[in-house]
């Protein structure tokens, strides 16, 4: 869930593979995203997605 505002229509759905709830601040936009095992797929601004995808806990959701 994006905490700061709404996700853009061009948002990428990222899947989180971790075992606990986390809050991630987007490097480009400063937006705060919440991921958890119960809500693993969240829309992420494309400008924030690339650094998250470098982490093995995140992948594009299809």
Protein backbone atom coordinates (compact mmCIF):
# COMPACT_ATOMS: atom_id res chain seq x y z
CA UNK A 1 0.00 0.00 0.00
CA UNK A 2 1.35 3.39 -0.93
CA UNK A 3 1.06 5.62 2.10
CA UNK A 4 1.85 9.03 0.56
CA UNK A 5 -0.81 9.83 -2.06
CA UNK A 6 -2.01 7.61 -4.85
CA UNK A 7 -0.06 5.40 -7.20
CA UNK A 8 0.38 6.70 -10.76
CA UNK A 9 -1.43 4.89 -13.57
CA UNK A 10 1.98 3.80 -14.90
CA UNK A 11 2.79 2.11 -11.57
CA UNK A 12 4.53 -1.25 -11.61
CA UNK A 13 3.16 -4.00 -9.39
CA UNK A 14 5.98 -5.36 -7.25
CA UNK A 15 5.76 -8.57 -5.24
CA UNK A 16 7.50 -8.77 -1.88
CA UNK A 17 8.93 -12.14 -0.82
CA UNK A 18 9.89 -11.28 2.76
CA UNK A 19 8.46 -12.75 5.93
CA UNK A 20 7.64 -9.58 7.88
CA UNK A 21 5.97 -6.22 7.31
CA UNK A 22 8.29 -3.53 5.97
CA UNK A 23 8.06 0.15 5.08
CA UNK A 24 10.14 1.25 2.11
CA UNK A 25 10.77 4.86 1.12
CA UNK A 26 11.09 5.35 -2.65
CA UNK A 27 14.54 6.65 -3.57
CA UNK A 28 13.25 8.86 -6.40
CA UNK A 29 9.87 10.08 -5.14
CA UNK A 30 10.22 9.80 -1.38
CA UNK A 31 6.92 7.90 -1.28
CA UNK A 32 6.44 5.40 1.50
CA UNK A 33 5.35 1.88 0.51
CA UNK A 34 4.17 -0.85 2.88
CA UNK A 35 4.65 -4.52 2.06
CA UNK A 36 3.77 -7.58 4.13
CA UNK A 37 3.24 -11.31 3.59
CA UNK A 38 -0.52 -10.64 3.73
CA UNK A 39 -0.29 -7.83 1.11
CA UNK A 40 2.80 -8.73 -0.91
CA UNK A 41 1.84 -7.01 -4.20
CA UNK A 42 1.78 -3.22 -4.24
CA UNK A 43 1.84 -0.61 -7.02
CA UNK A 44 5.15 1.26 -7.07
CA UNK A 45 6.10 4.34 -9.05
CA UNK A 46 8.45 3.21 -11.86
CA UNK A 47 11.08 5.69 -10.63
CA UNK A 48 11.15 3.89 -7.28
CA UNK A 49 10.86 0.36 -8.64
CA UNK A 50 14.34 -0.05 -10.14
CA UNK A 51 16.28 0.17 -6.86
CA UNK A 52 13.78 -2.17 -5.19
CA UNK A 53 14.12 -4.72 -7.98
CA UNK A 54 17.88 -4.85 -7.28
CA UNK A 55 16.91 -6.40 -3.91
CA UNK A 56 16.16 -10.14 -4.02
CA UNK A 57 13.04 -9.62 -1.89
CA UNK A 58 11.20 -7.86 -4.75
CA UNK A 59 10.14 -8.94 -8.24
CA UNK A 60 7.72 -7.68 -10.84
CA UNK A 61 4.31 -9.23 -10.35
CA UNK A 62 2.71 -10.65 -13.47
